[in-house]
Amino acid sequence: MGVILEAYTVYFDLILCDMNGIILCNGRPDRYRCAGLNMRRHSWFNQALASHRGSEYGFEGPLSSDLADGKNTLVYSCGVREHGQADGKLLGVLEVVFNWDALGREVLLQARSVLSEETENAVKCYICVPDGVIVSSSEKTDPGGKLTFGNLPEIIQSKFTTQNGVLIGAALSRGFETYRTGWISIIMEGDAANSLI
């Protein structure tokens, strides 16, 4: 696990749990001393534990995690199966702890930079959950704020809308590689965008 972590800079850690949720080992034991802790209360663990095949996974976040010294994390998990077979007997759970602040905000800052070159208006980019709660922003807005405009499913269906002179585009996020989150990507163009949060 330590070798993998050297190649993937967006991971805080990789963690291996037994069937009871006890951490057996992690990839950065010198930095994060977590062996022996119980993860049974976390939904990412229980989702992986309930999986039936290797293609199923657990997901939770963003959340402040003791596994990364209280930093914001995004967690994906999967079952560890006998002989590495997709339908093998479940033996434990592997957790990937992502550095959410470095990953989520960085993507949005780059998107804002590219889109700002195409307009003279202010551009703001957000990722939110379906009820509008912000999980990441290109702005200094703290996660947990809420977008207050319209019906997000309707906006996603029509691709864009305008409110208070602000052009708003919305789309379902494709997630990370093949892992879906159900999150929504929002781009707003216009100086009155702050009035919509």
C-alpha atoms as a PDB file:
ATOM      1  CA  MET A   1       0.000   0.000   0.000  1.00  0.00           C
ATOM      2  CA  GLY A   2       2.894   2.337   0.712  1.00  0.00           C
ATOM      3  CA  VAL A   3       4.224   1.861  -2.840  1.00  0.00           C
ATOM      4  CA  ILE A   4       0.819   2.741  -4.311  1.00  0.00           C
ATOM      5  CA  LEU A   5       0.658   5.895  -2.173  1.00  0.00           C
ATOM      6  CA  GLU A   6       3.977   7.107  -3.570  1.00  0.00           C
ATOM      7  CA  ALA A   7       2.409   7.212  -7.043  1.00  0.00           C
ATOM      8  CA  TYR A   8      -0.995   8.731  -6.183  1.00  0.00           C
ATOM      9  CA  THR A   9      -0.676  12.177  -4.647  1.00  0.00           C
ATOM     10  CA  VAL A  10      -4.433  12.690  -4.159  1.00  0.00           C
ATOM     11  CA  TYR A  11      -4.612   9.869  -1.573  1.00  0.00           C
ATOM     12  CA  PHE A  12      -4.099  10.532   2.116  1.00  0.00           C
ATOM     13  CA  ASP A  13      -3.986   6.830   2.871  1.00  0.00           C
ATOM     14  CA  LEU A  14      -5.068   3.295   2.005  1.00  0.00           C
ATOM     15  CA  ILE A  15      -6.599   1.284   4.822  1.00  0.00           C
ATOM     16  CA  LEU A  16      -7.396  -2.412   5.187  1.00  0.00           C
ATOM     17  CA  CYS A  17     -10.139  -3.501   7.616  1.00  0.00           C
ATOM     18  CA  ASP A  18     -11.275  -6.921   8.740  1.00  0.00           C
ATOM     19  CA  MET A  19     -14.916  -8.022   8.579  1.00  0.00           C
ATOM     20  CA  ASN A  20     -15.627  -6.396  11.962  1.00  0.00           C
ATOM     21  CA  GLY A  21     -14.357  -2.990  10.848  1.00  0.00           C
ATOM     22  CA  ILE A  22     -11.042  -3.160  12.727  1.00  0.00           C
ATOM     23  CA  ILE A  23      -8.169  -1.534  10.837  1.00  0.00           C
ATOM     24  CA  LEU A  24      -5.499  -4.175  10.282  1.00  0.00           C
ATOM     25  CA  CYS A  25      -2.988  -1.932   8.528  1.00  0.00           C
ATOM     26  CA  ASN A  26      -2.594   1.234   6.488  1.00  0.00           C
ATOM     27  CA  GLY A  27      -0.177   2.500   3.864  1.00  0.00           C
ATOM     28  CA  ARG A  28       1.186   5.406   5.922  1.00  0.00           C
ATOM     29  CA  PRO A  29       1.525   4.091   9.485  1.00  0.00           C
ATOM     30  CA  ASP A  30       4.301   6.605  10.179  1.00  0.00           C
ATOM     31  CA  ARG A  31       1.914   9.507   9.470  1.00  0.00           C
ATOM     32  CA  TYR A  32      -1.524   8.132  10.415  1.00  0.00           C
ATOM     33  CA  ARG A  33      -1.548   5.784  13.388  1.00  0.00           C
ATOM     34  CA  CYS A  34      -4.905   4.108  12.974  1.00  0.00           C
ATOM     35  CA  ALA A  35      -4.296   0.345  13.277  1.00  0.00           C
ATOM     36  CA  GLY A  36      -6.793  -1.143  15.725  1.00  0.00           C
ATOM     37  CA  LEU A  37      -9.481   1.533  15.280  1.00  0.00           C
ATOM     38  CA  ASN A  38     -13.012   0.352  14.510  1.00  0.00           C
ATOM     39  CA  MET A  39     -14.653   1.707  11.330  1.00  0.00           C
ATOM     40  CA  ARG A  40     -17.967  -0.141  11.723  1.00  0.00           C
ATOM     41  CA  ARG A  41     -19.940   3.101  12.232  1.00  0.00           C
ATOM     42  CA  HIS A  42     -18.924   4.523   8.836  1.00  0.00           C
ATOM     43  CA  SER A  43     -21.278   4.117   5.891  1.00  0.00           C
ATOM     44  CA  TRP A  44     -18.363   3.526   3.483  1.00  0.00           C
ATOM     45  CA  PHE A  45     -17.442   0.424   5.494  1.00  0.00           C
ATOM     46  CA  ASN A  46     -21.003  -0.910   5.713  1.00  0.00           C
ATOM     47  CA  GLN A  47     -21.644  -0.305   2.003  1.00  0.00           C
ATOM     48  CA  ALA A  48     -18.553  -2.328   1.054  1.00  0.00           C
ATOM     49  CA  LEU A  49     -19.486  -5.003   3.596  1.00  0.00           C
ATOM     50  CA  ALA A  50     -22.929  -5.325   1.976  1.00  0.00           C
ATOM     51  CA  SER A  51     -21.483  -5.623  -1.540  1.00  0.00           C
ATOM     52  CA  HIS A  52     -21.979  -8.835  -3.531  1.00  0.00           C
ATOM     53  CA  ARG A  53     -19.384  -8.375  -6.277  1.00  0.00           C
ATOM     54  CA  GLY A  54     -16.035  -6.733  -6.813  1.00  0.00           C
ATOM     55  CA  SER A  55     -17.604  -4.089  -9.063  1.00  0.00           C
ATOM     56  CA  GLU A  56     -19.666  -2.658  -6.167  1.00  0.00           C
ATOM     57  CA  TYR A  57     -18.229  -0.003  -3.881  1.00  0.00           C
ATOM     58  CA  GLY A  58     -18.903   2.200  -0.876  1.00  0.00           C
ATOM     59  CA  PHE A  59     -18.691   5.976  -0.845  1.00  0.00           C
ATOM     60  CA  GLU A  60     -18.816   8.728   1.780  1.00  0.00           C
ATOM     61  CA  GLY A  61     -17.845  12.346   1.932  1.00  0.00           C
ATOM     62  CA  PRO A  62     -16.675  14.911   1.963  1.00  0.00           C
ATOM     63  CA  LEU A  63     -16.145  14.617   5.692  1.00  0.00           C
ATOM     64  CA  SER A  64     -13.601  15.650   8.273  1.00  0.00           C
ATOM     65  CA  SER A  65     -11.770  12.438   9.140  1.00  0.00           C
ATOM     66  CA  ASP A  66      -9.684  11.353  12.094  1.00  0.00           C
ATOM     67  CA  LEU A  67      -7.943   9.056   9.624  1.00  0.00           C
ATOM     68  CA  ALA A  68      -6.339  12.140   8.039  1.00  0.00           C
ATOM     69  CA  ASP A  69      -5.783  14.369  11.084  1.00  0.00           C
ATOM     70  CA  GLY A  70      -9.212  15.985  10.723  1.00  0.00           C
ATOM     71  CA  LYS A  71      -8.703  17.048   7.106  1.00  0.00           C
ATOM     72  CA  ASN A  72     -11.543  16.849   4.579  1.00  0.00           C
ATOM     73  CA  THR A  73     -11.652  13.477   2.888  1.00  0.00           C
ATOM     74  CA  LEU A  74     -13.595  11.645   0.243  1.00  0.00           C
ATOM     75  CA  VAL A  75     -13.731   7.905   0.865  1.00  0.00           C
ATOM     76  CA  TYR A  76     -14.232   5.062  -1.572  1.00  0.00           C
ATOM     77  CA  SER A  77     -14.226   1.477  -0.362  1.00  0.00           C
ATOM     78  CA  CYS A  78     -14.519  -2.000  -1.806  1.00  0.00           C
ATOM     79  CA  GLY A  79     -14.619  -5.556  -0.609  1.00  0.00           C
ATOM     80  CA  VAL A  80     -11.437  -7.592  -0.492  1.00  0.00           C
ATOM     81  CA  ARG A  81     -12.361 -10.984  -1.927  1.00  0.00           C
ATOM     82  CA  GLU A  82     -10.889 -14.454  -1.775  1.00  0.00           C
ATOM     83  CA  HIS A  83      -8.304 -15.144  -4.517  1.00  0.00           C
ATOM     84  CA  GLY A  84      -8.990 -11.644  -5.927  1.00  0.00           C
ATOM     85  CA  GLN A  85     -12.104 -12.972  -7.662  1.00  0.00           C
ATOM     86  CA  ALA A  86     -14.951 -10.485  -8.311  1.00  0.00           C
ATOM     87  CA  ASP A  87     -17.431 -12.973  -6.861  1.00  0.00           C
ATOM     88  CA  GLY A  88     -15.092 -14.463  -4.262  1.00  0.00           C
ATOM     89  CA  LYS A  89     -15.870 -14.727  -0.556  1.00  0.00           C
ATOM     90  CA  LEU A  90     -15.664 -11.354   1.188  1.00  0.00           C
ATOM     91  CA  LEU A  91     -12.623 -11.238   3.496  1.00  0.00           C
ATOM     92  CA  GLY A  92     -12.405  -7.566   4.446  1.00  0.00           C
ATOM     93  CA  VAL A  93     -12.688  -3.974   3.217  1.00  0.00           C
ATOM     94  CA  LEU A  94     -10.156  -1.709   1.507  1.00  0.00           C
ATOM     95  CA  GLU A  95     -10.622   2.041   1.956  1.00  0.00           C
ATOM     96  CA  VAL A  96      -9.102   4.747  -0.234  1.00  0.00           C
ATOM     97  CA  VAL A  97      -8.906   8.081   1.617  1.00  0.00           C
ATOM     98  CA  PHE A  98      -8.767  10.971  -0.878  1.00  0.00           C
ATOM     99  CA  ASN A  99      -7.474  14.451  -0.089  1.00  0.00           C
ATOM    100  CA  TRP A 100     -10.742  16.212  -0.918  1.00  0.00           C
ATOM    101  CA  ASP A 101      -9.530  19.810  -0.548  1.00  0.00           C
ATOM    102  CA  ALA A 102      -6.654  19.227  -2.959  1.00  0.00           C
ATOM    103  CA  LEU A 103      -8.829  17.279  -5.393  1.00  0.00           C
ATOM    104  CA  GLY A 104     -12.256  18.951  -5.448  1.00  0.00           C
ATOM    105  CA  ARG A 105     -11.304  22.615  -5.176  1.00  0.00           C
ATOM    106  CA  GLU A 106      -8.372  22.260  -7.547  1.00  0.00           C
ATOM    107  CA  VAL A 107     -10.639  20.919 -10.301  1.00  0.00           C
ATOM    108  CA  LEU A 108     -13.015  23.844  -9.839  1.00  0.00           C
ATOM    109  CA  LEU A 109     -10.234  26.444  -9.779  1.00  0.00           C
ATOM    110  CA  GLN A 110      -8.917  25.097 -13.081  1.00  0.00           C
ATOM    111  CA  ALA A 111     -12.420  25.076 -14.597  1.00  0.00           C
ATOM    112  CA  ARG A 112     -12.983  28.688 -13.515  1.00  0.00           C
ATOM    113  CA  SER A 113      -9.635  29.735 -14.963  1.00  0.00           C
ATOM    114  CA  VAL A 114     -10.388  28.201 -18.372  1.00  0.00           C
ATOM    115  CA  LEU A 115     -13.970  29.514 -18.513  1.00  0.00           C
ATOM    116  CA  SER A 116     -12.988  33.015 -17.369  1.00  0.00           C
ATOM    117  CA  GLU A 117     -10.926  33.426 -20.537  1.00  0.00           C
ATOM    118  CA  GLU A 118     -14.145  33.237 -22.568  1.00  0.00           C
ATOM    119  CA  THR A 119     -16.080  36.028 -20.856  1.00  0.00           C
ATOM    120  CA  GLU A 120     -15.652  39.374 -19.149  1.00  0.00           C
ATOM    121  CA  ASN A 121     -18.205  38.388 -16.478  1.00  0.00           C
ATOM    122  CA  ALA A 122     -17.373  36.753 -13.163  1.00  0.00           C
ATOM    123  CA  VAL A 123     -17.383  32.926 -13.287  1.00  0.00           C
ATOM    124  CA  LYS A 124     -17.978  30.723 -10.248  1.00  0.00           C
ATOM    125  CA  CYS A 125     -17.913  26.904 -10.158  1.00  0.00           C
ATOM    126  CA  TYR A 126     -19.464  24.580  -7.579  1.00  0.00           C
ATOM    127  CA  ILE A 127     -20.076  20.942  -6.833  1.00  0.00           C
ATOM    128  CA  CYS A 128     -23.175  20.241  -4.762  1.00  0.00           C
ATOM    129  CA  VAL A 129     -25.354  17.355  -3.664  1.00  0.00           C
ATOM    130  CA  PRO A 130     -28.896  17.105  -5.133  1.00  0.00           C
ATOM    131  CA  ASP A 131     -30.477  19.332  -2.451  1.00  0.00           C
ATOM    132  CA  GLY A 132     -28.040  22.155  -3.308  1.00  0.00           C
ATOM    133  CA  VAL A 133     -25.617  21.825  -0.366  1.00  0.00           C
ATOM    134  CA  ILE A 134     -22.142  22.800  -1.601  1.00  0.00           C
ATOM    135  CA  VAL A 135     -19.382  20.201  -1.220  1.00  0.00           C
ATOM    136  CA  SER A 136     -16.713  22.193  -3.064  1.00  0.00           C
ATOM    137  CA  SER A 137     -16.324  25.642  -4.592  1.00  0.00           C
ATOM    138  CA  SER A 138     -13.959  27.709  -6.709  1.00  0.00           C
ATOM    139  CA  GLU A 139     -14.669  30.504  -4.239  1.00  0.00           C
ATOM    140  CA  LYS A 140     -13.810  30.912  -0.565  1.00  0.00           C
ATOM    141  CA  THR A 141     -17.319  29.708   0.251  1.00  0.00           C
ATOM    142  CA  ASP A 142     -17.168  27.118   2.995  1.00  0.00           C
ATOM    143  CA  PRO A 143     -18.540  23.696   2.077  1.00  0.00           C
ATOM    144  CA  GLY A 144     -21.947  23.281   3.656  1.00  0.00           C
ATOM    145  CA  GLY A 145     -23.385  26.479   2.174  1.00  0.00           C
ATOM    146  CA  LYS A 146     -26.418  26.039  -0.048  1.00  0.00           C
ATOM    147  CA  LEU A 147     -27.331  27.188  -3.539  1.00  0.00           C
ATOM    148  CA  THR A 148     -30.722  28.876  -3.297  1.00  0.00           C
ATOM    149  CA  PHE A 149     -31.917  29.019  -6.874  1.00  0.00           C
ATOM    150  CA  GLY A 150     -34.625  26.943  -8.575  1.00  0.00           C
ATOM    151  CA  ASN A 151     -35.146  23.242  -8.921  1.00  0.00           C
ATOM    152  CA  LEU A 152     -31.816  21.535  -9.687  1.00  0.00           C
ATOM    153  CA  PRO A 153     -33.325  18.504 -11.484  1.00  0.00           C
ATOM    154  CA  GLU A 154     -35.207  20.883 -13.830  1.00  0.00           C
ATOM    155  CA  ILE A 155     -32.071  22.940 -14.468  1.00  0.00           C
ATOM    156  CA  ILE A 156     -30.081  19.779 -15.213  1.00  0.00           C
ATOM    157  CA  GLN A 157     -32.764  18.665 -17.652  1.00  0.00           C
ATOM    158  CA  SER A 158     -32.704  21.975 -19.522  1.00  0.00           C
ATOM    159  CA  LYS A 159     -28.891  22.337 -19.120  1.00  0.00           C
ATOM    160  CA  PHE A 160     -29.081  26.013 -18.105  1.00  0.00           C
ATOM    161  CA  THR A 161     -31.259  28.810 -16.766  1.00  0.00           C
ATOM    162  CA  THR A 162     -30.929  32.490 -15.872  1.00  0.00           C
ATOM    163  CA  GLN A 163     -31.745  34.216 -12.587  1.00  0.00           C
ATOM    164  CA  ASN A 164     -31.049  37.813 -11.548  1.00  0.00           C
ATOM    165  CA  GLY A 165     -28.967  38.240 -14.713  1.00  0.00           C
ATOM    166  CA  VAL A 166     -26.804  35.216 -13.858  1.00  0.00           C
ATOM    167  CA  LEU A 167     -26.398  32.426 -16.409  1.00  0.00           C
ATOM    168  CA  ILE A 168     -26.465  29.059 -14.591  1.00  0.00           C
ATOM    169  CA  GLY A 169     -25.365  25.775 -16.137  1.00  0.00           C
ATOM    170  CA  ALA A 170     -25.832  22.450 -14.357  1.00  0.00           C
ATOM    171  CA  ALA A 171     -24.966  18.823 -15.084  1.00  0.00           C
ATOM    172  CA  LEU A 172     -24.789  15.569 -13.193  1.00  0.00           C
ATOM    173  CA  SER A 173     -21.197  14.761 -12.306  1.00  0.00           C
ATOM    174  CA  ARG A 174     -19.725  11.718 -13.999  1.00  0.00           C
ATOM    175  CA  GLY A 175     -17.901  10.934 -10.765  1.00  0.00           C
ATOM    176  CA  PHE A 176     -14.342   9.707 -10.450  1.00  0.00           C
ATOM    177  CA  GLU A 177     -13.512   7.331 -13.296  1.00  0.00           C
ATOM    178  CA  THR A 178     -16.404   4.804 -13.096  1.00  0.00           C
ATOM    179  CA  TYR A 179     -17.449   5.732  -9.547  1.00  0.00           C
ATOM    180  CA  ARG A 180     -20.663   7.779  -9.472  1.00  0.00           C
ATOM    181  CA  THR A 181     -21.460  10.191  -6.659  1.00  0.00           C
ATOM    182  CA  GLY A 182     -24.826  11.661  -7.657  1.00  0.00           C
ATOM    183  CA  TRP A 183     -23.306  15.135  -7.291  1.00  0.00           C
ATOM    184  CA  ILE A 184     -24.112  18.105  -9.520  1.00  0.00           C
ATOM    185  CA  SER A 185     -21.626  20.428 -11.206  1.00  0.00           C
ATOM    186  CA  ILE A 186     -22.748  24.074 -11.346  1.00  0.00           C
ATOM    187  CA  ILE A 187     -21.220  26.969 -13.296  1.00  0.00           C
ATOM    188  CA  MET A 188     -22.519  30.505 -12.815  1.00  0.00           C
ATOM    189  CA  GLU A 189     -21.618  33.481 -14.979  1.00  0.00           C
ATOM    190  CA  GLY A 190     -22.551  36.955 -13.815  1.00  0.00           C
ATOM    191  CA  ASP A 191     -21.719  39.518 -11.139  1.00  0.00           C
ATOM    192  CA  ALA A 192     -24.863  38.757  -9.084  1.00  0.00           C
ATOM    193  CA  ALA A 193     -23.910  35.092  -8.517  1.00  0.00           C
ATOM    194  CA  ASN A 194     -23.232  35.689  -4.811  1.00  0.00           C
ATOM    195  CA  SER A 195     -26.910  36.505  -4.303  1.00  0.00           C
ATOM    196  CA  LEU A 196     -27.777  32.889  -5.190  1.00  0.00           C
ATOM    197  CA  ILE A 197     -25.912  31.322  -2.246  1.00  0.00           C
END
